[in-house]
Amino acid sequence: MGKYTEHWENYKRKVVRDTLRLLGVMFSLIPIGVVGFLLPQSDEWPLAVVVALLLAWLTVFVRTLLKSCKVDCPRCATVYTRGKYLSNCPQCGLRMLDEGPP
């Protein structure tokens, strides 16, 4: 068991929670579509309601997505965003999920 094992285990649990939260936000779009379909198309205010709901949904989705990409480095406490080409800490170079010395 390394020095950072507990931190990375907590990080893995956070990733699972964030993924489930993101899936929940994605599936919450279905009721918005149903509301938009069921509202009468002749009035202008139902369109405004559906657009407002879609904008609120998009805002929540983007915030949830950006929050789920954050990584806290256990060595130097730098918060960075992981990506396709960035898995190491940009400050100290610790590899993501590296448990460190025992």
N, C-alpha and C. Protein backbone atom coordinates (compact mmCIF):
# COMPACT_ATOMS: atom_id res chain seq x y z
N MET A 1 0.84 -1.18 0.00
CA MET A 1 0.00 0.00 0.00
C MET A 1 0.89 1.23 0.00
N GLY A 2 0.67 2.09 -0.98
CA GLY A 2 1.51 3.26 -1.12
C GLY A 2 1.02 4.45 -0.31
N LYS A 3 1.77 5.51 -0.44
CA LYS A 3 1.50 6.73 0.30
C LYS A 3 0.19 7.40 -0.14
N TYR A 4 -0.17 7.27 -1.42
CA TYR A 4 -1.34 7.97 -1.97
C TYR A 4 -2.50 7.03 -2.28
N THR A 5 -2.44 5.79 -1.81
CA THR A 5 -3.46 4.80 -2.15
C THR A 5 -4.85 5.26 -1.72
N GLU A 6 -4.97 5.74 -0.49
CA GLU A 6 -6.29 6.16 0.02
C GLU A 6 -6.85 7.32 -0.79
N HIS A 7 -5.99 8.28 -1.15
CA HIS A 7 -6.44 9.42 -1.94
C HIS A 7 -6.99 8.96 -3.30
N TRP A 8 -6.28 8.05 -3.97
CA TRP A 8 -6.73 7.61 -5.29
C TRP A 8 -7.96 6.73 -5.19
N GLU A 9 -8.12 5.98 -4.11
CA GLU A 9 -9.35 5.21 -3.91
C GLU A 9 -10.55 6.15 -3.76
N ASN A 10 -10.36 7.22 -2.99
CA ASN A 10 -11.42 8.24 -2.86
C ASN A 10 -11.71 8.89 -4.21
N TYR A 11 -10.67 9.13 -4.99
CA TYR A 11 -10.83 9.73 -6.31
C TYR A 11 -11.64 8.80 -7.23
N LYS A 12 -11.36 7.50 -7.18
CA LYS A 12 -12.11 6.55 -8.01
C LYS A 12 -13.59 6.54 -7.64
N ARG A 13 -13.88 6.60 -6.32
CA ARG A 13 -15.28 6.66 -5.90
C ARG A 13 -15.94 7.95 -6.38
N LYS A 14 -15.18 9.06 -6.35
CA LYS A 14 -15.70 10.35 -6.83
C LYS A 14 -16.02 10.27 -8.32
N VAL A 15 -15.17 9.61 -9.09
CA VAL A 15 -15.40 9.47 -10.53
C VAL A 15 -16.68 8.67 -10.79
N VAL A 16 -16.90 7.62 -10.03
CA VAL A 16 -18.12 6.83 -10.20
C VAL A 16 -19.35 7.67 -9.86
N ARG A 17 -19.29 8.41 -8.74
CA ARG A 17 -20.42 9.28 -8.36
C ARG A 17 -20.68 10.33 -9.43
N ASP A 18 -19.61 10.96 -9.92
CA ASP A 18 -19.78 12.00 -10.94
C ASP A 18 -20.33 11.43 -12.23
N THR A 19 -19.93 10.22 -12.60
CA THR A 19 -20.45 9.59 -13.81
C THR A 19 -21.94 9.29 -13.67
N LEU A 20 -22.33 8.78 -12.51
CA LEU A 20 -23.76 8.52 -12.27
C LEU A 20 -24.56 9.82 -12.26
N ARG A 21 -24.00 10.85 -11.67
CA ARG A 21 -24.67 12.16 -11.65
C ARG A 21 -24.83 12.69 -13.08
N LEU A 22 -23.79 12.54 -13.89
CA LEU A 22 -23.83 13.00 -15.27
C LEU A 22 -24.88 12.22 -16.08
N LEU A 23 -24.96 10.92 -15.85
CA LEU A 23 -25.99 10.12 -16.52
C LEU A 23 -27.39 10.55 -16.08
N GLY A 24 -27.54 10.86 -14.80
CA GLY A 24 -28.83 11.35 -14.31
C GLY A 24 -29.22 12.66 -14.97
N VAL A 25 -28.26 13.55 -15.13
CA VAL A 25 -28.54 14.82 -15.81
C VAL A 25 -28.90 14.57 -17.26
N MET A 26 -28.19 13.64 -17.91
CA MET A 26 -28.50 13.34 -19.30
C MET A 26 -29.91 12.80 -19.46
N PHE A 27 -30.31 11.88 -18.58
CA PHE A 27 -31.65 11.30 -18.68
C PHE A 27 -32.74 12.26 -18.23
N SER A 28 -32.38 13.31 -17.54
CA SER A 28 -33.40 14.30 -17.15
C SER A 28 -33.86 15.12 -18.36
N LEU A 29 -33.18 14.99 -19.48
CA LEU A 29 -33.60 15.68 -20.69
C LEU A 29 -34.88 15.07 -21.26
N ILE A 30 -35.12 13.81 -20.98
CA ILE A 30 -36.31 13.13 -21.51
C ILE A 30 -37.60 13.82 -21.06
N PRO A 31 -37.78 14.12 -19.76
CA PRO A 31 -39.01 14.81 -19.38
C PRO A 31 -39.16 16.19 -20.01
N ILE A 32 -38.05 16.87 -20.24
CA ILE A 32 -38.12 18.18 -20.89
C ILE A 32 -38.65 18.01 -22.32
N GLY A 33 -38.19 16.97 -23.00
CA GLY A 33 -38.70 16.70 -24.35
C GLY A 33 -40.17 16.33 -24.34
N VAL A 34 -40.59 15.57 -23.34
CA VAL A 34 -42.01 15.20 -23.24
C VAL A 34 -42.86 16.44 -22.99
N VAL A 35 -42.40 17.32 -22.09
CA VAL A 35 -43.14 18.56 -21.82
C VAL A 35 -43.24 19.40 -23.09
N GLY A 36 -42.15 19.50 -23.82
CA GLY A 36 -42.16 20.26 -25.06
C GLY A 36 -43.09 19.66 -26.10
N PHE A 37 -43.20 18.35 -26.12
CA PHE A 37 -44.08 17.69 -27.07
C PHE A 37 -45.55 17.86 -26.69
N LEU A 38 -45.84 17.82 -25.39
CA LEU A 38 -47.22 17.87 -24.95
C LEU A 38 -47.81 19.27 -24.88
N LEU A 39 -46.96 20.29 -24.77
CA LEU A 39 -47.49 21.65 -24.72
C LEU A 39 -48.06 22.04 -26.08
N PRO A 40 -49.10 22.84 -26.07
CA PRO A 40 -49.68 23.26 -27.36
C PRO A 40 -48.69 24.11 -28.15
N GLN A 41 -48.66 23.87 -29.43
CA GLN A 41 -47.71 24.56 -30.29
C GLN A 41 -48.22 25.90 -30.80
N SER A 42 -49.47 26.23 -30.52
CA SER A 42 -50.04 27.47 -31.07
C SER A 42 -49.64 28.71 -30.27
N ASP A 43 -49.36 28.58 -29.01
CA ASP A 43 -48.99 29.73 -28.19
C ASP A 43 -47.48 29.92 -28.18
N GLU A 44 -47.07 31.15 -27.87
CA GLU A 44 -45.64 31.43 -27.82
C GLU A 44 -45.02 31.13 -26.46
N TRP A 45 -45.79 31.23 -25.38
CA TRP A 45 -45.19 31.02 -24.07
C TRP A 45 -44.74 29.59 -23.83
N PRO A 46 -45.40 28.54 -24.37
CA PRO A 46 -44.84 27.20 -24.16
C PRO A 46 -43.45 27.03 -24.78
N LEU A 47 -43.22 27.67 -25.91
CA LEU A 47 -41.90 27.61 -26.53
C LEU A 47 -40.86 28.26 -25.61
N ALA A 48 -41.23 29.38 -25.00
CA ALA A 48 -40.30 30.06 -24.09
C ALA A 48 -40.00 29.18 -22.87
N VAL A 49 -41.01 28.45 -22.40
CA VAL A 49 -40.81 27.56 -21.25
C VAL A 49 -39.84 26.43 -21.63
N VAL A 50 -40.05 25.84 -22.78
CA VAL A 50 -39.18 24.74 -23.22
C VAL A 50 -37.75 25.24 -23.44
N VAL A 51 -37.59 26.40 -24.05
CA VAL A 51 -36.25 26.96 -24.27
C VAL A 51 -35.57 27.25 -22.93
N ALA A 52 -36.32 27.80 -21.97
CA ALA A 52 -35.75 28.07 -20.65
C ALA A 52 -35.34 26.77 -19.96
N LEU A 53 -36.16 25.73 -20.06
CA LEU A 53 -35.80 24.44 -19.48
C LEU A 53 -34.57 23.84 -20.14
N LEU A 54 -34.48 23.97 -21.46
CA LEU A 54 -33.30 23.45 -22.17
C LEU A 54 -32.03 24.20 -21.79
N LEU A 55 -32.12 25.52 -21.65
CA LEU A 55 -30.95 26.30 -21.24
C LEU A 55 -30.52 25.95 -19.82
N ALA A 56 -31.49 25.76 -18.93
CA ALA A 56 -31.17 25.36 -17.56
C ALA A 56 -30.52 23.97 -17.56
N TRP A 57 -31.07 23.06 -18.36
CA TRP A 57 -30.50 21.72 -18.45
C TRP A 57 -29.07 21.77 -18.99
N LEU A 58 -28.85 22.56 -20.03
CA LEU A 58 -27.51 22.67 -20.62
C LEU A 58 -26.51 23.23 -19.62
N THR A 59 -26.92 24.22 -18.84
CA THR A 59 -26.05 24.81 -17.83
C THR A 59 -25.67 23.77 -16.78
N VAL A 60 -26.64 23.03 -16.29
CA VAL A 60 -26.37 22.00 -15.29
C VAL A 60 -25.47 20.91 -15.87
N PHE A 61 -25.73 20.51 -17.10
CA PHE A 61 -24.93 19.47 -17.75
C PHE A 61 -23.47 19.89 -17.89
N VAL A 62 -23.24 21.10 -18.37
CA VAL A 62 -21.86 21.57 -18.57
C VAL A 62 -21.14 21.72 -17.23
N ARG A 63 -21.81 22.27 -16.23
CA ARG A 63 -21.17 22.41 -14.91
C ARG A 63 -20.83 21.05 -14.31
N THR A 64 -21.72 20.08 -14.46
CA THR A 64 -21.47 18.74 -13.95
C THR A 64 -20.31 18.09 -14.70
N LEU A 65 -20.27 18.27 -16.00
CA LEU A 65 -19.19 17.70 -16.81
C LEU A 65 -17.84 18.31 -16.43
N LEU A 66 -17.78 19.62 -16.29
CA LEU A 66 -16.51 20.27 -15.94
C LEU A 66 -16.06 19.89 -14.54
N LYS A 67 -17.01 19.77 -13.62
CA LYS A 67 -16.65 19.39 -12.25
C LYS A 67 -16.12 17.96 -12.19
N SER A 68 -16.63 17.10 -13.04
CA SER A 68 -16.21 15.69 -13.00
C SER A 68 -14.81 15.48 -13.56
N CYS A 69 -14.25 16.46 -14.24
CA CYS A 69 -12.92 16.33 -14.84
C CYS A 69 -11.80 16.83 -13.94
N LYS A 70 -12.13 17.36 -12.77
CA LYS A 70 -11.11 17.92 -11.87
C LYS A 70 -10.40 16.82 -11.11
N VAL A 71 -9.09 17.01 -10.92
CA VAL A 71 -8.25 16.07 -10.18
C VAL A 71 -7.47 16.87 -9.14
N ASP A 72 -7.44 16.37 -7.91
CA ASP A 72 -6.61 16.96 -6.85
C ASP A 72 -5.35 16.12 -6.72
N CYS A 73 -4.21 16.76 -6.87
CA CYS A 73 -2.94 16.04 -6.72
C CYS A 73 -2.68 15.82 -5.23
N PRO A 74 -2.42 14.58 -4.82
CA PRO A 74 -2.17 14.34 -3.40
C PRO A 74 -0.80 14.82 -2.94
N ARG A 75 0.14 14.99 -3.86
CA ARG A 75 1.49 15.40 -3.47
C ARG A 75 1.59 16.91 -3.26
N CYS A 76 1.09 17.70 -4.23
CA CYS A 76 1.28 19.15 -4.15
C CYS A 76 -0.02 19.93 -4.02
N ALA A 77 -1.16 19.23 -3.96
CA ALA A 77 -2.50 19.82 -3.78
C ALA A 77 -2.91 20.73 -4.94
N THR A 78 -2.33 20.53 -6.10
CA THR A 78 -2.74 21.27 -7.29
C THR A 78 -4.03 20.67 -7.82
N VAL A 79 -4.96 21.53 -8.19
CA VAL A 79 -6.20 21.06 -8.83
C VAL A 79 -6.05 21.31 -10.32
N TYR A 80 -6.16 20.24 -11.11
CA TYR A 80 -6.04 20.37 -12.56
C TYR A 80 -7.13 19.57 -13.23
N THR A 81 -7.32 19.82 -14.51
CA THR A 81 -8.33 19.13 -15.29
C THR A 81 -7.66 18.04 -16.10
N ARG A 82 -8.13 16.81 -15.90
CA ARG A 82 -7.54 15.71 -16.67
C ARG A 82 -8.09 15.77 -18.09
N GLY A 83 -7.34 15.20 -18.99
CA GLY A 83 -7.77 15.18 -20.37
C GLY A 83 -7.07 14.07 -21.11
N LYS A 84 -7.21 14.09 -22.41
CA LYS A 84 -6.62 13.04 -23.23
C LYS A 84 -5.10 13.04 -23.13
N TYR A 85 -4.50 14.22 -23.12
CA TYR A 85 -3.05 14.33 -23.10
C TYR A 85 -2.50 14.78 -21.76
N LEU A 86 -3.36 15.00 -20.76
CA LEU A 86 -2.88 15.45 -19.47
C LEU A 86 -3.40 14.51 -18.39
N SER A 87 -2.55 13.56 -18.00
CA SER A 87 -2.92 12.68 -16.91
C SER A 87 -1.96 12.84 -15.74
N ASN A 88 -0.84 13.49 -15.96
CA ASN A 88 0.11 13.76 -14.88
C ASN A 88 -0.15 15.15 -14.32
N CYS A 89 0.22 15.32 -13.07
CA CYS A 89 0.08 16.65 -12.45
C CYS A 89 1.01 17.63 -13.16
N PRO A 90 0.50 18.77 -13.61
CA PRO A 90 1.36 19.72 -14.30
C PRO A 90 2.37 20.41 -13.37
N GLN A 91 2.12 20.38 -12.08
CA GLN A 91 3.00 21.05 -11.13
C GLN A 91 4.17 20.16 -10.72
N CYS A 92 3.88 18.95 -10.23
CA CYS A 92 4.94 18.09 -9.69
C CYS A 92 5.21 16.85 -10.54
N GLY A 93 4.35 16.56 -11.52
CA GLY A 93 4.58 15.43 -12.43
C GLY A 93 4.11 14.08 -11.90
N LEU A 94 3.40 14.04 -10.78
CA LEU A 94 2.91 12.78 -10.25
C LEU A 94 1.91 12.18 -11.24
N ARG A 95 2.13 10.91 -11.58
CA ARG A 95 1.22 10.24 -12.51
C ARG A 95 -0.11 9.99 -11.81
N MET A 96 -1.16 10.12 -12.58
CA MET A 96 -2.49 9.89 -12.04
C MET A 96 -2.61 8.42 -11.62
N LEU A 97 -3.17 8.19 -10.46
CA LEU A 97 -3.37 6.88 -9.84
C LEU A 97 -2.07 6.21 -9.42
N ASP A 98 -0.96 6.96 -9.38
CA ASP A 98 0.31 6.43 -8.88
C ASP A 98 0.25 6.43 -7.36
N GLU A 99 0.47 5.26 -6.76
CA GLU A 99 0.33 5.15 -5.32
C GLU A 99 1.53 5.67 -4.55
N GLY A 100 2.63 5.88 -5.21
CA GLY A 100 3.80 6.43 -4.54
C GLY A 100 4.57 5.38 -3.76
N PRO A 101 5.56 5.85 -3.00
CA PRO A 101 6.38 4.90 -2.23
C PRO A 101 5.59 4.32 -1.06
N PRO A 102 5.95 3.10 -0.65
CA PRO A 102 5.22 2.47 0.47
C PRO A 102 5.48 3.13 1.80
